[in-house]
Amino acid sequence: MLSRDHRSTAAERVAYRESAADFQGHSVSVRQMMTQRPGLRAAAGGEAMEAVATDFTAVLDLLGGDRQAVAAGLRARVPPGAAGGLRAVGLRRLPSFTGVVFSSASRRPGR
């Protein structure tokens, strides 16, 4: 179990980068988002941007994976492996938002 104030370590980030199959692809997407949304850069809180980008990359990797497998692993409390700590830190770094959220998705005809 990770402590509430856990921050990813350099060793965790290296282990994740070496083990994640699509690290480069997700990393490019995260860096583009961080460029477009400066508020995400504020999540650094004095830490290196590389650490923040890697934490967010682990979150994107989690969200882009098999949803059923992710949910089953979370429910079973399977040890998270190299990416687990980074994912937890990345999720905590995401800015909170209150208010109404609109989706840009369109409805299918007949629904």
PDB file of N, CA and C in Angstrom:
ATOM      1  N   MET A   1       0.851  -1.170   0.000  1.00  0.00           N
ATOM      2  CA  MET A   1       0.000   0.000   0.000  1.00  0.00           C
ATOM      3  C   MET A   1       0.900   1.238   0.000  1.00  0.00           C
ATOM      4  N   LEU A   2       0.593   2.154  -0.880  1.00  0.00           N
ATOM      5  CA  LEU A   2       1.373   3.390  -0.971  1.00  0.00           C
ATOM      6  C   LEU A   2       0.865   4.408   0.038  1.00  0.00           C
ATOM      7  N   SER A   3       1.779   5.206   0.556  1.00  0.00           N
ATOM      8  CA  SER A   3       1.366   6.260   1.474  1.00  0.00           C
ATOM      9  C   SER A   3       0.671   7.368   0.691  1.00  0.00           C
ATOM     10  N   ARG A   4      -0.112   8.140   1.379  1.00  0.00           N
ATOM     11  CA  ARG A   4      -0.887   9.201   0.740  1.00  0.00           C
ATOM     12  C   ARG A   4       0.010  10.248   0.078  1.00  0.00           C
ATOM     13  N   ASP A   5       1.181  10.486   0.636  1.00  0.00           N
ATOM     14  CA  ASP A   5       2.075  11.512   0.092  1.00  0.00           C
ATOM     15  C   ASP A   5       3.190  10.920  -0.780  1.00  0.00           C
ATOM     16  N   HIS A   6       2.999   9.697  -1.248  1.00  0.00           N
ATOM     17  CA  HIS A   6       4.011   9.036  -2.086  1.00  0.00           C
ATOM     18  C   HIS A   6       4.249   9.830  -3.365  1.00  0.00           C
ATOM     19  N   ARG A   7       5.498   9.990  -3.732  1.00  0.00           N
ATOM     20  CA  ARG A   7       5.897  10.577  -5.009  1.00  0.00           C
ATOM     21  C   ARG A   7       6.721   9.529  -5.742  1.00  0.00           C
ATOM     22  N   SER A   8       6.586   9.487  -7.047  1.00  0.00           N
ATOM     23  CA  SER A   8       7.337   8.496  -7.815  1.00  0.00           C
ATOM     24  C   SER A   8       8.836   8.780  -7.691  1.00  0.00           C
ATOM     25  N   THR A   9       9.589   7.709  -7.628  1.00  0.00           N
ATOM     26  CA  THR A   9      11.042   7.833  -7.524  1.00  0.00           C
ATOM     27  C   THR A   9      11.661   7.660  -8.903  1.00  0.00           C
ATOM     28  N   ALA A  10      12.902   8.062  -9.016  1.00  0.00           N
ATOM     29  CA  ALA A  10      13.612   7.904 -10.289  1.00  0.00           C
ATOM     30  C   ALA A  10      13.674   6.426 -10.678  1.00  0.00           C
ATOM     31  N   ALA A  11      13.881   5.542  -9.704  1.00  0.00           N
ATOM     32  CA  ALA A  11      13.954   4.106  -9.987  1.00  0.00           C
ATOM     33  C   ALA A  11      12.611   3.583 -10.505  1.00  0.00           C
ATOM     34  N   GLU A  12      11.497   4.037  -9.928  1.00  0.00           N
ATOM     35  CA  GLU A  12      10.173   3.624 -10.409  1.00  0.00           C
ATOM     36  C   GLU A  12       9.939   4.100 -11.839  1.00  0.00           C
ATOM     37  N   ARG A  13      10.349   5.333 -12.122  1.00  0.00           N
ATOM     38  CA  ARG A  13      10.141   5.866 -13.470  1.00  0.00           C
ATOM     39  C   ARG A  13      10.971   5.110 -14.496  1.00  0.00           C
ATOM     40  N   VAL A  14      12.203   4.775 -14.158  1.00  0.00           N
ATOM     41  CA  VAL A  14      13.057   4.015 -15.075  1.00  0.00           C
ATOM     42  C   VAL A  14      12.463   2.619 -15.308  1.00  0.00           C
ATOM     43  N   ALA A  15      12.022   1.974 -14.232  1.00  0.00           N
ATOM     44  CA  ALA A  15      11.435   0.632 -14.362  1.00  0.00           C
ATOM     45  C   ALA A  15      10.185   0.675 -15.237  1.00  0.00           C
ATOM     46  N   TYR A  16       9.374   1.706 -15.055  1.00  0.00           N
ATOM     47  CA  TYR A  16       8.170   1.825 -15.880  1.00  0.00           C
ATOM     48  C   TYR A  16       8.533   2.056 -17.343  1.00  0.00           C
ATOM     49  N   ARG A  17       9.444   2.987 -17.605  1.00  0.00           N
ATOM     50  CA  ARG A  17       9.825   3.279 -18.997  1.00  0.00           C
ATOM     51  C   ARG A  17      10.363   2.039 -19.690  1.00  0.00           C
ATOM     52  N   GLU A  18      11.086   1.198 -18.959  1.00  0.00           N
ATOM     53  CA  GLU A  18      11.673  -0.001 -19.556  1.00  0.00           C
ATOM     54  C   GLU A  18      10.653  -1.125 -19.743  1.00  0.00           C
ATOM     55  N   SER A  19       9.568  -1.100 -18.949  1.00  0.00           N
ATOM     56  CA  SER A  19       8.613  -2.209 -19.019  1.00  0.00           C
ATOM     57  C   SER A  19       7.346  -1.893 -19.815  1.00  0.00           C
ATOM     58  N   ALA A  20       7.021  -0.637 -19.995  1.00  0.00           N
ATOM     59  CA  ALA A  20       5.782  -0.273 -20.690  1.00  0.00           C
ATOM     60  C   ALA A  20       5.944  -0.455 -22.192  1.00  0.00           C
ATOM     61  N   ALA A  21       5.033  -1.196 -22.770  1.00  0.00           N
ATOM     62  CA  ALA A  21       5.118  -1.504 -24.198  1.00  0.00           C
ATOM     63  C   ALA A  21       4.941  -0.259 -25.071  1.00  0.00           C
ATOM     64  N   ASP A  22       4.049   0.636 -24.693  1.00  0.00           N
ATOM     65  CA  ASP A  22       3.747   1.804 -25.526  1.00  0.00           C
ATOM     66  C   ASP A  22       4.144   3.109 -24.842  1.00  0.00           C
ATOM     67  N   PHE A  23       5.248   3.076 -24.100  1.00  0.00           N
ATOM     68  CA  PHE A  23       5.665   4.276 -23.373  1.00  0.00           C
ATOM     69  C   PHE A  23       5.877   5.459 -24.309  1.00  0.00           C
ATOM     70  N   GLN A  24       6.576   5.247 -25.415  1.00  0.00           N
ATOM     71  CA  GLN A  24       6.894   6.358 -26.315  1.00  0.00           C
ATOM     72  C   GLN A  24       5.634   7.000 -26.890  1.00  0.00           C
ATOM     73  N   GLY A  25       4.694   6.191 -27.334  1.00  0.00           N
ATOM     74  CA  GLY A  25       3.456   6.726 -27.904  1.00  0.00           C
ATOM     75  C   GLY A  25       2.652   7.514 -26.890  1.00  0.00           C
ATOM     76  N   HIS A  26       2.501   6.960 -25.689  1.00  0.00           N
ATOM     77  CA  HIS A  26       1.758   7.664 -24.648  1.00  0.00           C
ATOM     78  C   HIS A  26       2.502   8.916 -24.194  1.00  0.00           C
ATOM     79  N   SER A  27       3.813   8.838 -24.152  1.00  0.00           N
ATOM     80  CA  SER A  27       4.620   9.976 -23.719  1.00  0.00           C
ATOM     81  C   SER A  27       4.458  11.168 -24.659  1.00  0.00           C
ATOM     82  N   VAL A  28       4.413  10.903 -25.952  1.00  0.00           N
ATOM     83  CA  VAL A  28       4.210  11.981 -26.933  1.00  0.00           C
ATOM     84  C   VAL A  28       2.853  12.643 -26.699  1.00  0.00           C
ATOM     85  N   SER A  29       1.815  11.838 -26.485  1.00  0.00           N
ATOM     86  CA  SER A  29       0.478  12.386 -26.235  1.00  0.00           C
ATOM     87  C   SER A  29       0.449  13.234 -24.971  1.00  0.00           C
ATOM     88  N   VAL A  30       1.097  12.758 -23.921  1.00  0.00           N
ATOM     89  CA  VAL A  30       1.123  13.498 -22.655  1.00  0.00           C
ATOM     90  C   VAL A  30       1.853  14.824 -22.824  1.00  0.00           C
ATOM     91  N   ARG A  31       2.970  14.808 -23.505  1.00  0.00           N
ATOM     92  CA  ARG A  31       3.727  16.059 -23.684  1.00  0.00           C
ATOM     93  C   ARG A  31       2.942  17.065 -24.529  1.00  0.00           C
ATOM     94  N   GLN A  32       2.191  16.587 -25.500  1.00  0.00           N
ATOM     95  CA  GLN A  32       1.338  17.490 -26.283  1.00  0.00           C
ATOM     96  C   GLN A  32       0.244  18.087 -25.403  1.00  0.00           C
ATOM     97  N   MET A  33      -0.376  17.260 -24.560  1.00  0.00           N
ATOM     98  CA  MET A  33      -1.408  17.767 -23.654  1.00  0.00           C
ATOM     99  C   MET A  33      -0.836  18.787 -22.680  1.00  0.00           C
ATOM    100  N   MET A  34       0.363  18.526 -22.181  1.00  0.00           N
ATOM    101  CA  MET A  34       0.978  19.445 -21.226  1.00  0.00           C
ATOM    102  C   MET A  34       1.325  20.776 -21.891  1.00  0.00           C
ATOM    103  N   THR A  35       1.631  20.738 -23.172  1.00  0.00           N
ATOM    104  CA  THR A  35       1.901  21.969 -23.906  1.00  0.00           C
ATOM    105  C   THR A  35       0.609  22.756 -24.122  1.00  0.00           C
ATOM    106  N   GLN A  36      -0.456  22.066 -24.431  1.00  0.00           N
ATOM    107  CA  GLN A  36      -1.743  22.711 -24.711  1.00  0.00           C
ATOM    108  C   GLN A  36      -2.474  23.163 -23.449  1.00  0.00           C
ATOM    109  N   ARG A  37      -2.204  22.499 -22.334  1.00  0.00           N
ATOM    110  CA  ARG A  37      -2.909  22.805 -21.078  1.00  0.00           C
ATOM    111  C   ARG A  37      -1.890  23.110 -19.983  1.00  0.00           C
ATOM    112  N   PRO A  38      -1.520  24.368 -19.850  1.00  0.00           N
ATOM    113  CA  PRO A  38      -0.492  24.742 -18.869  1.00  0.00           C
ATOM    114  C   PRO A  38      -0.846  24.360 -17.431  1.00  0.00           C
ATOM    115  N   GLY A  39      -2.116  24.213 -17.129  1.00  0.00           N
ATOM    116  CA  GLY A  39      -2.520  23.820 -15.784  1.00  0.00           C
ATOM    117  C   GLY A  39      -1.957  22.470 -15.386  1.00  0.00           C
ATOM    118  N   LEU A  40      -1.732  21.588 -16.353  1.00  0.00           N
ATOM    119  CA  LEU A  40      -1.139  20.293 -16.047  1.00  0.00           C
ATOM    120  C   LEU A  40       0.318  20.433 -15.617  1.00  0.00           C
ATOM    121  N   ARG A  41       0.998  21.431 -16.163  1.00  0.00           N
ATOM    122  CA  ARG A  41       2.393  21.670 -15.762  1.00  0.00           C
ATOM    123  C   ARG A  41       2.464  22.158 -14.326  1.00  0.00           C
ATOM    124  N   ALA A  42       1.414  22.832 -13.871  1.00  0.00           N
ATOM    125  CA  ALA A  42       1.389  23.332 -12.498  1.00  0.00           C
ATOM    126  C   ALA A  42       1.366  22.187 -11.493  1.00  0.00           C
ATOM    127  N   ALA A  43       0.994  20.996 -11.947  1.00  0.00           N
ATOM    128  CA  ALA A  43       0.947  19.829 -11.060  1.00  0.00           C
ATOM    129  C   ALA A  43       2.336  19.403 -10.605  1.00  0.00           C
ATOM    130  N   ALA A  44       3.369  19.963 -11.208  1.00  0.00           N
ATOM    131  CA  ALA A  44       4.739  19.578 -10.862  1.00  0.00           C
ATOM    132  C   ALA A  44       5.067  19.913  -9.414  1.00  0.00           C
ATOM    133  N   GLY A  45       4.572  21.020  -8.921  1.00  0.00           N
ATOM    134  CA  GLY A  45       4.827  21.380  -7.533  1.00  0.00           C
ATOM    135  C   GLY A  45       6.297  21.405  -7.184  1.00  0.00           C
ATOM    136  N   GLY A  46       7.120  21.927  -8.072  1.00  0.00           N
ATOM    137  CA  GLY A  46       8.559  22.014  -7.811  1.00  0.00           C
ATOM    138  C   GLY A  46       9.358  20.806  -8.256  1.00  0.00           C
ATOM    139  N   GLU A  47       8.685  19.766  -8.735  1.00  0.00           N
ATOM    140  CA  GLU A  47       9.396  18.580  -9.217  1.00  0.00           C
ATOM    141  C   GLU A  47       9.742  18.742 -10.691  1.00  0.00           C
ATOM    142  N   ALA A  48      10.628  17.897 -11.154  1.00  0.00           N
ATOM    143  CA  ALA A  48      11.040  17.942 -12.557  1.00  0.00           C
ATOM    144  C   ALA A  48       9.866  17.599 -13.468  1.00  0.00           C
ATOM    145  N   MET A  49       9.774  18.284 -14.597  1.00  0.00           N
ATOM    146  CA  MET A  49       8.694  18.022 -15.551  1.00  0.00           C
ATOM    147  C   MET A  49       8.748  16.592 -16.079  1.00  0.00           C
ATOM    148  N   GLU A  50       9.932  16.019 -16.135  1.00  0.00           N
ATOM    149  CA  GLU A  50      10.084  14.632 -16.590  1.00  0.00           C
ATOM    150  C   GLU A  50       9.317  13.690 -15.658  1.00  0.00           C
ATOM    151  N   ALA A  51       9.363  13.956 -14.364  1.00  0.00           N
ATOM    152  CA  ALA A  51       8.652  13.117 -13.394  1.00  0.00           C
ATOM    153  C   ALA A  51       7.148  13.233 -13.597  1.00  0.00           C
ATOM    154  N   VAL A  52       6.670  14.456 -13.777  1.00  0.00           N
ATOM    155  CA  VAL A  52       5.238  14.684 -13.984  1.00  0.00           C
ATOM    156  C   VAL A  52       4.780  14.015 -15.276  1.00  0.00           C
ATOM    157  N   ALA A  53       5.543  14.195 -16.341  1.00  0.00           N
ATOM    158  CA  ALA A  53       5.174  13.608 -17.638  1.00  0.00           C
ATOM    159  C   ALA A  53       5.135  12.082 -17.550  1.00  0.00           C
ATOM    160  N   THR A  54       6.069  11.484 -16.848  1.00  0.00           N
ATOM    161  CA  THR A  54       6.083  10.028 -16.724  1.00  0.00           C
ATOM    162  C   THR A  54       4.899   9.535 -15.896  1.00  0.00           C
ATOM    163  N   ASP A  55       4.561  10.264 -14.832  1.00  0.00           N
ATOM    164  CA  ASP A  55       3.392   9.891 -14.017  1.00  0.00           C
ATOM    165  C   ASP A  55       2.114   9.962 -14.848  1.00  0.00           C
ATOM    166  N   PHE A  56       1.956  11.032 -15.623  1.00  0.00           N
ATOM    167  CA  PHE A  56       0.776  11.163 -16.471  1.00  0.00           C
ATOM    168  C   PHE A  56       0.765  10.105 -17.579  1.00  0.00           C
ATOM    169  N   THR A  57       1.934   9.743 -18.076  1.00  0.00           N
ATOM    170  CA  THR A  57       2.031   8.697 -19.096  1.00  0.00           C
ATOM    171  C   THR A  57       1.534   7.371 -18.533  1.00  0.00           C
ATOM    172  N   ALA A  58       1.860   7.080 -17.284  1.00  0.00           N
ATOM    173  CA  ALA A  58       1.389   5.846 -16.651  1.00  0.00           C
ATOM    174  C   ALA A  58      -0.131   5.855 -16.509  1.00  0.00           C
ATOM    175  N   VAL A  59      -0.707   7.033 -16.217  1.00  0.00           N
ATOM    176  CA  VAL A  59      -2.172   7.141 -16.124  1.00  0.00           C
ATOM    177  C   VAL A  59      -2.796   6.887 -17.497  1.00  0.00           C
ATOM    178  N   LEU A  60      -2.237   7.498 -18.530  1.00  0.00           N
ATOM    179  CA  LEU A  60      -2.761   7.299 -19.886  1.00  0.00           C
ATOM    180  C   LEU A  60      -2.649   5.835 -20.294  1.00  0.00           C
ATOM    181  N   ASP A  61      -1.555   5.205 -19.915  1.00  0.00           N
ATOM    182  CA  ASP A  61      -1.353   3.785 -20.186  1.00  0.00           C
ATOM    183  C   ASP A  61      -2.441   2.958 -19.501  1.00  0.00           C
ATOM    184  N   LEU A  62      -2.761   3.303 -18.258  1.00  0.00           N
ATOM    185  CA  LEU A  62      -3.817   2.610 -17.518  1.00  0.00           C
ATOM    186  C   LEU A  62      -5.169   2.795 -18.195  1.00  0.00           C
ATOM    187  N   LEU A  63      -5.490   4.028 -18.535  1.00  0.00           N
ATOM    188  CA  LEU A  63      -6.798   4.325 -19.119  1.00  0.00           C
ATOM    189  C   LEU A  63      -6.942   3.789 -20.533  1.00  0.00           C
ATOM    190  N   GLY A  64      -5.833   3.592 -21.224  1.00  0.00           N
ATOM    191  CA  GLY A  64      -5.882   3.072 -22.586  1.00  0.00           C
ATOM    192  C   GLY A  64      -5.873   1.563 -22.651  1.00  0.00           C
ATOM    193  N   GLY A  65      -5.762   0.910 -21.499  1.00  0.00           N
ATOM    194  CA  GLY A  65      -5.683  -0.547 -21.472  1.00  0.00           C
ATOM    195  C   GLY A  65      -7.045  -1.214 -21.474  1.00  0.00           C
ATOM    196  N   ASP A  66      -7.042  -2.503 -21.283  1.00  0.00           N
ATOM    197  CA  ASP A  66      -8.262  -3.299 -21.223  1.00  0.00           C
ATOM    198  C   ASP A  66      -9.018  -2.930 -19.944  1.00  0.00           C
ATOM    199  N   ARG A  67     -10.164  -2.295 -20.094  1.00  0.00           N
ATOM    200  CA  ARG A  67     -10.914  -1.791 -18.937  1.00  0.00           C
ATOM    201  C   ARG A  67     -11.324  -2.904 -17.980  1.00  0.00           C
ATOM    202  N   GLN A  68     -11.729  -4.030 -18.523  1.00  0.00           N
ATOM    203  CA  GLN A  68     -12.167  -5.129 -17.658  1.00  0.00           C
ATOM    204  C   GLN A  68     -11.004  -5.687 -16.857  1.00  0.00           C
ATOM    205  N   ALA A  69      -9.837  -5.812 -17.480  1.00  0.00           N
ATOM    206  CA  ALA A  69      -8.661  -6.316 -16.773  1.00  0.00           C
ATOM    207  C   ALA A  69      -8.207  -5.333 -15.699  1.00  0.00           C
ATOM    208  N   VAL A  70      -8.260  -4.041 -16.016  1.00  0.00           N
ATOM    209  CA  VAL A  70      -7.889  -3.014 -15.039  1.00  0.00           C
ATOM    210  C   VAL A  70      -8.834  -3.062 -13.848  1.00  0.00           C
ATOM    211  N   ALA A  71     -10.136  -3.104 -14.116  1.00  0.00           N
ATOM    212  CA  ALA A  71     -11.127  -3.144 -13.037  1.00  0.00           C
ATOM    213  C   ALA A  71     -10.961  -4.400 -12.185  1.00  0.00           C
ATOM    214  N   ALA A  72     -10.747  -5.541 -12.826  1.00  0.00           N
ATOM    215  CA  ALA A  72     -10.570  -6.792 -12.081  1.00  0.00           C
ATOM    216  C   ALA A  72      -9.323  -6.728 -11.208  1.00  0.00           C
ATOM    217  N   GLY A  73      -8.245  -6.165 -11.731  1.00  0.00           N
ATOM    218  CA  GLY A  73      -7.018  -6.035 -10.949  1.00  0.00           C
ATOM    219  C   GLY A  73      -7.186  -5.115  -9.757  1.00  0.00           C
ATOM    220  N   LEU A  74      -7.916  -4.013  -9.953  1.00  0.00           N
ATOM    221  CA  LEU A  74      -8.163  -3.091  -8.845  1.00  0.00           C
ATOM    222  C   LEU A  74      -9.046  -3.737  -7.782  1.00  0.00           C
ATOM    223  N   ARG A  75     -10.064  -4.455  -8.214  1.00  0.00           N
ATOM    224  CA  ARG A  75     -10.966  -5.101  -7.250  1.00  0.00           C
ATOM    225  C   ARG A  75     -10.253  -6.192  -6.464  1.00  0.00           C
ATOM    226  N   ALA A  76      -9.368  -6.925  -7.139  1.00  0.00           N
ATOM    227  CA  ALA A  76      -8.657  -8.023  -6.492  1.00  0.00           C
ATOM    228  C   ALA A  76      -7.440  -7.533  -5.711  1.00  0.00           C
ATOM    229  N   ARG A  77      -7.173  -6.235  -5.811  1.00  0.00           N
ATOM    230  CA  ARG A  77      -6.008  -5.633  -5.144  1.00  0.00           C
ATOM    231  C   ARG A  77      -4.706  -6.323  -5.542  1.00  0.00           C
ATOM    232  N   VAL A  78      -4.600  -6.593  -6.827  1.00  0.00           N
ATOM    233  CA  VAL A  78      -3.383  -7.185  -7.376  1.00  0.00           C
ATOM    234  C   VAL A  78      -2.259  -6.166  -7.227  1.00  0.00           C
ATOM    235  N   PRO A  79      -1.081  -6.589  -6.784  1.00  0.00           N
ATOM    236  CA  PRO A  79       0.029  -5.635  -6.685  1.00  0.00           C
ATOM    237  C   PRO A  79       0.250  -4.939  -8.026  1.00  0.00           C
ATOM    238  N   PRO A  80       0.385  -3.622  -8.014  1.00  0.00           N
ATOM    239  CA  PRO A  80       0.379  -2.849  -9.245  1.00  0.00           C
ATOM    240  C   PRO A  80       1.612  -2.941 -10.119  1.00  0.00           C
ATOM    241  N   GLY A  81       2.696  -3.500  -9.649  1.00  0.00           N
ATOM    242  CA  GLY A  81       3.895  -3.589 -10.466  1.00  0.00           C
ATOM    243  C   GLY A  81       4.590  -2.245 -10.600  1.00  0.00           C
ATOM    244  N   ALA A  82       5.451  -2.129 -11.598  1.00  0.00           N
ATOM    245  CA  ALA A  82       6.274  -0.931 -11.767  1.00  0.00           C
ATOM    246  C   ALA A  82       5.454   0.325 -11.988  1.00  0.00           C
ATOM    247  N   ALA A  83       4.331   0.209 -12.654  1.00  0.00           N
ATOM    248  CA  ALA A  83       3.543   1.390 -12.997  1.00  0.00           C
ATOM    249  C   ALA A  83       2.586   1.818 -11.895  1.00  0.00           C
ATOM    250  N   GLY A  84       2.320   0.969 -10.923  1.00  0.00           N
ATOM    251  CA  GLY A  84       1.308   1.253  -9.914  1.00  0.00           C
ATOM    252  C   GLY A  84       1.534   2.541  -9.145  1.00  0.00           C
ATOM    253  N   GLY A  85       2.737   2.736  -8.649  1.00  0.00           N
ATOM    254  CA  GLY A  85       3.031   3.950  -7.904  1.00  0.00           C
ATOM    255  C   GLY A  85       2.917   5.189  -8.773  1.00  0.00           C
ATOM    256  N   LEU A  86       3.383   5.080 -10.007  1.00  0.00           N
ATOM    257  CA  LEU A  86       3.305   6.216 -10.927  1.00  0.00           C
ATOM    258  C   LEU A  86       1.865   6.547 -11.257  1.00  0.00           C
ATOM    259  N   ARG A  87       1.046   5.528 -11.442  1.00  0.00           N
ATOM    260  CA  ARG A  87      -0.363   5.765 -11.749  1.00  0.00           C
ATOM    261  C   ARG A  87      -1.062   6.466 -10.595  1.00  0.00           C
ATOM    262  N   ALA A  88      -0.779   6.021  -9.372  1.00  0.00           N
ATOM    263  CA  ALA A  88      -1.395   6.648  -8.197  1.00  0.00           C
ATOM    264  C   ALA A  88      -0.976   8.106  -8.090  1.00  0.00           C
ATOM    265  N   VAL A  89       0.304   8.368  -8.281  1.00  0.00           N
ATOM    266  CA  VAL A  89       0.809   9.741  -8.205  1.00  0.00           C
ATOM    267  C   VAL A  89       0.219  10.574  -9.346  1.00  0.00           C
ATOM    268  N   GLY A  90       0.182  10.013 -10.550  1.00  0.00           N
ATOM    269  CA  GLY A  90      -0.370  10.730 -11.693  1.00  0.00           C
ATOM    270  C   GLY A  90      -1.838  11.077 -11.503  1.00  0.00           C
ATOM    271  N   LEU A  91      -2.617  10.147 -10.950  1.00  0.00           N
ATOM    272  CA  LEU A  91      -4.024  10.434 -10.691  1.00  0.00           C
ATOM    273  C   LEU A  91      -4.182  11.540  -9.658  1.00  0.00           C
ATOM    274  N   ARG A  92      -3.320  11.532  -8.646  1.00  0.00           N
ATOM    275  CA  ARG A  92      -3.388  12.608  -7.639  1.00  0.00           C
ATOM    276  C   ARG A  92      -2.979  13.947  -8.223  1.00  0.00           C
ATOM    277  N   ARG A  93      -2.125  13.940  -9.223  1.00  0.00           N
ATOM    278  CA  ARG A  93      -1.662  15.193  -9.834  1.00  0.00           C
ATOM    279  C   ARG A  93      -2.726  15.848 -10.724  1.00  0.00           C
ATOM    280  N   LEU A  94      -3.668  15.071 -11.210  1.00  0.00           N
ATOM    281  CA  LEU A  94      -4.680  15.634 -12.100  1.00  0.00           C
ATOM    282  C   LEU A  94      -5.451  16.738 -11.381  1.00  0.00           C
ATOM    283  N   PRO A  95      -5.702  17.833 -12.078  1.00  0.00           N
ATOM    284  CA  PRO A  95      -6.436  18.929 -11.433  1.00  0.00           C
ATOM    285  C   PRO A  95      -7.882  18.522 -11.161  1.00  0.00           C
ATOM    286  N   SER A  96      -8.399  19.025 -10.066  1.00  0.00           N
ATOM    287  CA  SER A  96      -9.806  18.749  -9.766  1.00  0.00           C
ATOM    288  C   SER A  96     -10.662  19.730 -10.548  1.00  0.00           C
ATOM    289  N   PHE A  97     -11.873  19.325 -10.799  1.00  0.00           N
ATOM    290  CA  PHE A  97     -12.780  20.167 -11.564  1.00  0.00           C
ATOM    291  C   PHE A  97     -14.161  20.048 -10.962  1.00  0.00           C
ATOM    292  N   THR A  98     -14.774  21.164 -10.712  1.00  0.00           N
ATOM    293  CA  THR A  98     -16.151  21.151 -10.241  1.00  0.00           C
ATOM    294  C   THR A  98     -17.010  21.878 -11.258  1.00  0.00           C
ATOM    295  N   GLY A  99     -18.178  21.407 -11.440  1.00  0.00           N
ATOM    296  CA  GLY A  99     -19.080  22.033 -12.395  1.00  0.00           C
ATOM    297  C   GLY A  99     -19.552  21.043 -13.435  1.00  0.00           C
ATOM    298  N   VAL A 100     -20.268  21.556 -14.377  1.00  0.00           N
ATOM    299  CA  VAL A 100     -20.849  20.750 -15.433  1.00  0.00           C
ATOM    300  C   VAL A 100     -19.773  20.412 -16.461  1.00  0.00           C
ATOM    301  N   VAL A 101     -19.801  19.192 -16.952  1.00  0.00           N
ATOM    302  CA  VAL A 101     -18.869  18.747 -17.977  1.00  0.00           C
ATOM    303  C   VAL A 101     -19.683  18.370 -19.212  1.00  0.00           C
ATOM    304  N   PHE A 102     -19.295  18.903 -20.338  1.00  0.00           N
ATOM    305  CA  PHE A 102     -19.976  18.597 -21.597  1.00  0.00           C
ATOM    306  C   PHE A 102     -19.074  17.739 -22.452  1.00  0.00           C
ATOM    307  N   SER A 103     -19.694  16.819 -23.171  1.00  0.00           N
ATOM    308  CA  SER A 103     -18.951  15.946 -24.060  1.00  0.00           C
ATOM    309  C   SER A 103     -19.101  16.459 -25.487  1.00  0.00           C
ATOM    310  N   SER A 104     -18.061  16.324 -26.261  1.00  0.00           N
ATOM    311  CA  SER A 104     -18.130  16.749 -27.659  1.00  0.00           C
ATOM    312  C   SER A 104     -18.609  15.616 -28.560  1.00  0.00           C
ATOM    313  N   ALA A 105     -18.918  14.457 -27.970  1.00  0.00           N
ATOM    314  CA  ALA A 105     -19.393  13.330 -28.761  1.00  0.00           C
ATOM    315  C   ALA A 105     -20.806  13.580 -29.250  1.00  0.00           C
ATOM    316  N   SER A 106     -21.074  13.127 -30.435  1.00  0.00           N
ATOM    317  CA  SER A 106     -22.433  13.295 -30.969  1.00  0.00           C
ATOM    318  C   SER A 106     -23.241  12.029 -30.715  1.00  0.00           C
ATOM    319  N   ARG A 107     -24.540  12.193 -30.607  1.00  0.00           N
ATOM    320  CA  ARG A 107     -25.420  11.061 -30.410  1.00  0.00           C
ATOM    321  C   ARG A 107     -25.651  10.343 -31.719  1.00  0.00           C
ATOM    322  N   ARG A 108     -25.846   9.065 -31.634  1.00  0.00           N
ATOM    323  CA  ARG A 108     -26.174   8.296 -32.826  1.00  0.00           C
ATOM    324  C   ARG A 108     -27.637   8.511 -33.171  1.00  0.00           C
ATOM    325  N   PRO A 109     -27.970   8.538 -34.459  1.00  0.00           N
ATOM    326  CA  PRO A 109     -29.379   8.720 -34.860  1.00  0.00           C
ATOM    327  C   PRO A 109     -30.262   7.634 -34.254  1.00  0.00           C
ATOM    328  N   GLY A 110     -31.446   8.031 -33.836  1.00  0.00           N
ATOM    329  CA  GLY A 110     -32.386   7.077 -33.280  1.00  0.00           C
ATOM    330  C   GLY A 110     -32.235   6.842 -31.808  1.00  0.00           C
ATOM    331  N   ARG A 111     -31.363   7.584 -31.142  1.00  0.00           N
ATOM    332  CA  ARG A 111     -31.164   7.397 -29.701  1.00  0.00           C
ATOM    333  C   ARG A 111     -31.451   8.648 -28.957  1.00  0.00           C
TER     334      ARG A 111
END
